PDB file of all heavy atoms in Angstrom:
ATOM      1  N   SER A   1      -9.236 -11.444  10.346  1.00  0.00           N
ATOM      2  CA  SER A   1      -9.242 -10.004  10.542  1.00  0.00           C
ATOM      3  C   SER A   1     -10.644  -9.540  11.063  1.00  0.00           C
ATOM      4  O   SER A   1     -11.631 -10.175  10.830  1.00  0.00           O
ATOM      5  CB  SER A   1      -8.813  -9.386   9.345  1.00  0.00           C
ATOM      6  OG  SER A   1      -9.749  -9.633   8.249  1.00  0.00           O
ATOM      7  N   LYS A   2     -10.587  -8.323  11.642  1.00  0.00           N
ATOM      8  CA  LYS A   2     -11.840  -7.674  12.048  1.00  0.00           C
ATOM      9  C   LYS A   2     -12.929  -7.422  11.012  1.00  0.00           C
ATOM     10  O   LYS A   2     -14.114  -7.382  11.179  1.00  0.00           O
ATOM     11  CB  LYS A   2     -11.621  -6.464  12.980  1.00  0.00           C
ATOM     12  CG  LYS A   2     -10.976  -6.654  14.214  1.00  0.00           C
ATOM     13  CD  LYS A   2     -10.890  -5.532  15.112  1.00  0.00           C
ATOM     14  CE  LYS A   2     -10.376  -5.732  16.497  1.00  0.00           C
ATOM     15  NZ  LYS A   2      -9.000  -6.006  16.491  1.00  0.00           N
ATOM     16  N   GLY A   3     -12.393  -7.362   9.798  1.00  0.00           N
ATOM     17  CA  GLY A   3     -13.314  -7.140   8.626  1.00  0.00           C
ATOM     18  C   GLY A   3     -12.438  -6.909   7.426  1.00  0.00           C
ATOM     19  O   GLY A   3     -11.205  -7.256   7.537  1.00  0.00           O
ATOM     20  N   PRO A   4     -12.962  -6.591   6.233  1.00  0.00           N
ATOM     21  CA  PRO A   4     -12.159  -6.404   5.078  1.00  0.00           C
ATOM     22  C   PRO A   4     -10.954  -5.318   5.270  1.00  0.00           C
ATOM     23  O   PRO A   4     -11.292  -4.298   5.870  1.00  0.00           O
ATOM     24  CB  PRO A   4     -13.116  -6.012   3.943  1.00  0.00           C
ATOM     25  CG  PRO A   4     -14.492  -6.575   4.421  1.00  0.00           C
ATOM     26  CD  PRO A   4     -14.463  -6.409   5.963  1.00  0.00           C
ATOM     27  N   ILE A   5      -9.887  -5.620   4.622  1.00  0.00           N
ATOM     28  CA  ILE A   5      -8.657  -4.687   4.769  1.00  0.00           C
ATOM     29  C   ILE A   5      -8.451  -4.171   3.466  1.00  0.00           C
ATOM     30  O   ILE A   5      -8.513  -4.845   2.258  1.00  0.00           O
ATOM     31  CB  ILE A   5      -7.458  -5.540   5.295  1.00  0.00           C
ATOM     32  CG1 ILE A   5      -7.730  -6.035   6.599  1.00  0.00           C
ATOM     33  CG2 ILE A   5      -6.232  -4.657   5.148  1.00  0.00           C
ATOM     34  CD1 ILE A   5      -6.630  -6.964   7.227  1.00  0.00           C
ATOM     35  N   ARG A   6      -8.068  -2.844   3.343  1.00  0.00           N
ATOM     36  CA  ARG A   6      -7.803  -2.129   2.150  1.00  0.00           C
ATOM     37  C   ARG A   6      -6.425  -2.640   1.661  1.00  0.00           C
ATOM     38  O   ARG A   6      -5.370  -2.727   2.495  1.00  0.00           O
ATOM     39  CB  ARG A   6      -7.730  -0.637   2.307  1.00  0.00           C
ATOM     40  CG  ARG A   6      -7.600   0.060   0.996  1.00  0.00           C
ATOM     41  CD  ARG A   6      -7.786   1.722   1.221  1.00  0.00           C
ATOM     42  NE  ARG A   6      -7.792   2.375  -0.037  1.00  0.00           N
ATOM     43  CZ  ARG A   6      -6.842   2.989  -0.571  1.00  0.00           C
ATOM     44  NH1 ARG A   6      -5.586   3.155   0.073  1.00  0.00           N
ATOM     45  NH2 ARG A   6      -6.873   3.581  -1.845  1.00  0.00           N
ATOM     46  N   ALA A   7      -6.169  -2.848   0.386  1.00  0.00           N
ATOM     47  CA  ALA A   7      -4.903  -3.374  -0.049  1.00  0.00           C
ATOM     48  C   ALA A   7      -3.901  -2.178  -0.205  1.00  0.00           C
ATOM     49  O   ALA A   7      -4.228  -1.089  -0.457  1.00  0.00           O
ATOM     50  CB  ALA A   7      -5.184  -3.821  -1.648  1.00  0.00           C
ATOM     51  N   GLN A   8      -2.749  -2.623  -0.015  1.00  0.00           N
ATOM     52  CA  GLN A   8      -1.397  -1.623  -0.198  1.00  0.00           C
ATOM     53  C   GLN A   8      -0.692  -2.233  -1.331  1.00  0.00           C
ATOM     54  O   GLN A   8       0.184  -3.074  -1.204  1.00  0.00           O
ATOM     55  CB  GLN A   8      -0.557  -1.665   1.066  1.00  0.00           C
ATOM     56  CG  GLN A   8      -1.216  -1.008   2.293  1.00  0.00           C
ATOM     57  CD  GLN A   8      -0.295  -1.119   3.555  1.00  0.00           C
ATOM     58  OE1 GLN A   8       0.427  -2.087   3.745  1.00  0.00           O
ATOM     59  NE2 GLN A   8      -0.287  -0.035   4.230  1.00  0.00           N
ATOM     60  N   PRO A   9      -1.051  -1.880  -2.493  1.00  0.00           N
ATOM     61  CA  PRO A   9      -0.262  -2.311  -3.688  1.00  0.00           C
ATOM     62  C   PRO A   9       1.280  -1.991  -3.585  1.00  0.00           C
ATOM     63  O   PRO A   9       2.064  -2.896  -4.025  1.00  0.00           O
ATOM     64  CB  PRO A   9      -0.865  -1.629  -4.921  1.00  0.00           C
ATOM     65  CG  PRO A   9      -2.192  -1.003  -4.441  1.00  0.00           C
ATOM     66  CD  PRO A   9      -2.099  -0.912  -3.047  1.00  0.00           C
ATOM     67  N   TRP A  10       1.558  -0.874  -2.959  1.00  0.00           N
ATOM     68  CA  TRP A  10       3.009  -0.523  -2.825  1.00  0.00           C
ATOM     69  C   TRP A  10       3.275  -0.791  -1.287  1.00  0.00           C
ATOM     70  O   TRP A  10       2.949   0.007  -0.476  1.00  0.00           O
ATOM     71  CB  TRP A  10       3.208   0.972  -3.156  1.00  0.00           C
ATOM     72  CG  TRP A  10       2.718   1.276  -4.593  1.00  0.00           C
ATOM     73  CD1 TRP A  10       1.657   2.109  -4.848  1.00  0.00           C
ATOM     74  CD2 TRP A  10       3.339   0.849  -5.821  1.00  0.00           C
ATOM     75  NE1 TRP A  10       1.598   2.204  -6.309  1.00  0.00           N
ATOM     76  CE2 TRP A  10       2.598   1.419  -6.859  1.00  0.00           C
ATOM     77  CE3 TRP A  10       4.386  -0.008  -6.128  1.00  0.00           C
ATOM     78  CZ2 TRP A  10       2.779   1.101  -8.201  1.00  0.00           C
ATOM     79  CZ3 TRP A  10       4.668  -0.240  -7.485  1.00  0.00           C
ATOM     80  CH2 TRP A  10       3.923   0.335  -8.450  1.00  0.00           C
ATOM     81  N   SER A  11       4.093  -1.802  -0.999  1.00  0.00           N
ATOM     82  CA  SER A  11       4.332  -1.989   0.299  1.00  0.00           C
ATOM     83  C   SER A  11       5.088  -1.120   1.105  1.00  0.00           C
ATOM     84  O   SER A  11       6.168  -0.562   0.579  1.00  0.00           O
ATOM     85  CB  SER A  11       5.131  -3.381   0.474  1.00  0.00           C
ATOM     86  OG  SER A  11       5.515  -3.709   1.745  1.00  0.00           O
ATOM     87  N   PRO A  12       4.802  -0.680   2.296  1.00  0.00           N
ATOM     88  CA  PRO A  12       5.565   0.279   3.040  1.00  0.00           C
ATOM     89  C   PRO A  12       6.925  -0.253   3.424  1.00  0.00           C
ATOM     90  O   PRO A  12       7.758   0.638   3.917  1.00  0.00           O
ATOM     91  CB  PRO A  12       4.795   0.574   4.274  1.00  0.00           C
ATOM     92  CG  PRO A  12       3.774  -0.579   4.406  1.00  0.00           C
ATOM     93  CD  PRO A  12       3.619  -1.138   2.960  1.00  0.00           C
ATOM     94  N   PHE A  13       7.074  -1.590   3.296  1.00  0.00           N
ATOM     95  CA  PHE A  13       8.413  -2.212   3.646  1.00  0.00           C
ATOM     96  C   PHE A  13       9.417  -2.129   2.489  1.00  0.00           C
ATOM     97  O   PHE A  13      10.575  -2.788   2.612  1.00  0.00           O
ATOM     98  CB  PHE A  13       8.246  -3.563   4.198  1.00  0.00           C
ATOM     99  CG  PHE A  13       7.390  -3.615   5.418  1.00  0.00           C
ATOM    100  CD1 PHE A  13       6.086  -3.887   5.479  1.00  0.00           C
ATOM    101  CD2 PHE A  13       7.918  -3.218   6.704  1.00  0.00           C
ATOM    102  CE1 PHE A  13       5.238  -3.874   6.571  1.00  0.00           C
ATOM    103  CE2 PHE A  13       7.128  -3.211   7.799  1.00  0.00           C
ATOM    104  CZ  PHE A  13       5.886  -3.485   7.706  1.00  0.00           C
ATOM    105  N   ILE A  14       9.148  -1.587   1.347  1.00  0.00           N
ATOM    106  CA  ILE A  14      10.036  -1.392   0.288  1.00  0.00           C
ATOM    107  C   ILE A  14      10.375   0.194   0.177  1.00  0.00           C
ATOM    108  O   ILE A  14       9.521   0.959  -0.010  1.00  0.00           O
ATOM    109  CB  ILE A  14       9.574  -1.949  -1.079  1.00  0.00           C
ATOM    110  CG1 ILE A  14       9.446  -3.475  -0.869  1.00  0.00           C
ATOM    111  CG2 ILE A  14      10.389  -1.567  -2.229  1.00  0.00           C
ATOM    112  CD1 ILE A  14       9.181  -4.308  -2.096  1.00  0.00           C
ATOM    113  N   ALA A  15      11.619   0.437   0.257  1.00  0.00           N
ATOM    114  CA  ALA A  15      12.065   1.801   0.333  1.00  0.00           C
ATOM    115  C   ALA A  15      11.688   2.475  -1.065  1.00  0.00           C
ATOM    116  O   ALA A  15      11.780   1.954  -2.143  1.00  0.00           O
ATOM    117  CB  ALA A  15      13.687   1.934   0.326  1.00  0.00           C
ATOM    118  N   GLY A  16      11.184   3.781  -0.816  1.00  0.00           N
ATOM    119  CA  GLY A  16      10.795   4.621  -2.105  1.00  0.00           C
ATOM    120  C   GLY A  16       9.319   4.523  -2.383  1.00  0.00           C
ATOM    121  O   GLY A  16       8.789   5.213  -3.108  1.00  0.00           O
ATOM    122  N   ASN A  17       8.654   3.467  -1.848  1.00  0.00           N
ATOM    123  CA  ASN A  17       7.201   3.254  -2.174  1.00  0.00           C
ATOM    124  C   ASN A  17       6.285   4.474  -1.740  1.00  0.00           C
ATOM    125  O   ASN A  17       5.247   4.690  -2.154  1.00  0.00           O
ATOM    126  CB  ASN A  17       6.588   1.888  -1.699  1.00  0.00           C
ATOM    127  CG  ASN A  17       6.941   0.853  -2.627  1.00  0.00           C
ATOM    128  OD1 ASN A  17       7.452   1.014  -3.807  1.00  0.00           O
ATOM    129  ND2 ASN A  17       6.799  -0.353  -2.227  1.00  0.00           N
ATOM    130  N   GLU A  18       6.870   5.091  -0.549  1.00  0.00           N
ATOM    131  CA  GLU A  18       5.905   6.193  -0.032  1.00  0.00           C
ATOM    132  C   GLU A  18       5.741   7.245  -0.953  1.00  0.00           C
ATOM    133  O   GLU A  18       4.764   8.021  -0.889  1.00  0.00           O
ATOM    134  CB  GLU A  18       6.680   6.717   1.225  1.00  0.00           C
ATOM    135  CG  GLU A  18       7.914   7.442   1.162  1.00  0.00           C
ATOM    136  CD  GLU A  18       9.244   6.524   0.992  1.00  0.00           C
ATOM    137  OE1 GLU A  18       8.978   5.212   1.117  1.00  0.00           O
ATOM    138  OE2 GLU A  18      10.341   7.023   0.826  1.00  0.00           O
ATOM    139  N   LYS A  19       6.528   7.295  -2.116  1.00  0.00           N
ATOM    140  CA  LYS A  19       6.461   8.375  -3.114  1.00  0.00           C
ATOM    141  C   LYS A  19       5.461   8.087  -4.128  1.00  0.00           C
ATOM    142  O   LYS A  19       5.007   8.914  -5.001  1.00  0.00           O
ATOM    143  CB  LYS A  19       7.731   8.786  -3.671  1.00  0.00           C
ATOM    144  CG  LYS A  19       8.769   9.300  -2.791  1.00  0.00           C
ATOM    145  CD  LYS A  19      10.092   9.674  -3.418  1.00  0.00           C
ATOM    146  CE  LYS A  19      11.232  10.076  -2.462  1.00  0.00           C
ATOM    147  NZ  LYS A  19      12.281   9.194  -2.435  1.00  0.00           N
ATOM    148  N   LYS A  20       5.079   6.689  -4.173  1.00  0.00           N
ATOM    149  CA  LYS A  20       4.274   6.252  -5.253  1.00  0.00           C
ATOM    150  C   LYS A  20       2.803   6.475  -5.104  1.00  0.00           C
ATOM    151  O   LYS A  20       2.245   6.546  -4.025  1.00  0.00           O
ATOM    152  CB  LYS A  20       4.433   4.765  -5.463  1.00  0.00           C
ATOM    153  CG  LYS A  20       5.844   4.470  -6.007  1.00  0.00           C
ATOM    154  CD  LYS A  20       6.069   3.021  -6.399  1.00  0.00           C
ATOM    155  CE  LYS A  20       7.439   2.934  -7.003  1.00  0.00           C
ATOM    156  NZ  LYS A  20       8.000   1.644  -7.035  1.00  0.00           N
ATOM    157  N   LYS A  21       2.040   6.838  -6.255  1.00  0.00           N
ATOM    158  CA  LYS A  21       0.549   7.059  -6.178  1.00  0.00           C
ATOM    159  C   LYS A  21      -0.245   5.809  -5.938  1.00  0.00           C
ATOM    160  O   LYS A  21       0.069   4.797  -6.440  1.00  0.00           O
ATOM    161  CB  LYS A  21       0.157   7.780  -7.580  1.00  0.00           C
ATOM    162  CG  LYS A  21       0.672   9.172  -7.649  1.00  0.00           C
ATOM    163  CD  LYS A  21       0.052  10.025  -8.733  1.00  0.00           C
ATOM    164  CE  LYS A  21      -0.542   9.213  -9.932  1.00  0.00           C
ATOM    165  NZ  LYS A  21      -1.059  10.042 -10.998  1.00  0.00           N
ATOM    166  N   ASP A  22      -1.455   6.056  -5.262  1.00  0.00           N
ATOM    167  CA  ASP A  22      -2.271   4.954  -4.970  1.00  0.00           C
ATOM    168  C   ASP A  22      -3.405   4.822  -5.988  1.00  0.00           C
ATOM    169  O   ASP A  22      -4.474   4.332  -5.771  1.00  0.00           O
ATOM    170  CB  ASP A  22      -2.907   5.241  -3.556  1.00  0.00           C
ATOM    171  CG  ASP A  22      -3.480   4.004  -3.066  1.00  0.00           C
ATOM    172  OD1 ASP A  22      -2.969   2.895  -3.235  1.00  0.00           O
ATOM    173  OD2 ASP A  22      -4.645   4.016  -2.375  1.00  0.00           O
ATOM    174  N   ALA A  23      -3.091   5.169  -7.243  1.00  0.00           N
ATOM    175  CA  ALA A  23      -3.931   5.066  -8.397  1.00  0.00           C
ATOM    176  C   ALA A  23      -3.088   4.769  -9.586  1.00  0.00           C
ATOM    177  O   ALA A  23      -2.003   5.232  -9.758  1.00  0.00           O
ATOM    178  CB  ALA A  23      -4.800   6.235  -8.624  1.00  0.00           C
ATOM    179  N   PRO A  24      -3.595   4.058 -10.580  1.00  0.00           N
ATOM    180  CA  PRO A  24      -2.826   3.608 -11.835  1.00  0.00           C
ATOM    181  C   PRO A  24      -2.439   4.959 -12.621  1.00  0.00           C
ATOM    182  O   PRO A  24      -3.218   5.894 -12.528  1.00  0.00           O
ATOM    183  CB  PRO A  24      -3.765   2.764 -12.555  1.00  0.00           C
ATOM    184  CG  PRO A  24      -4.812   2.325 -11.707  1.00  0.00           C
ATOM    185  CD  PRO A  24      -4.903   3.414 -10.644  1.00  0.00           C
TER     186      PRO A  24
END
């Protein structure tokens, strides 16, 4: 990769994840 990539704990390829918060 061009550099370090930010993690996506909630995959955009699983339905409903777009509503989930990016923090615990």
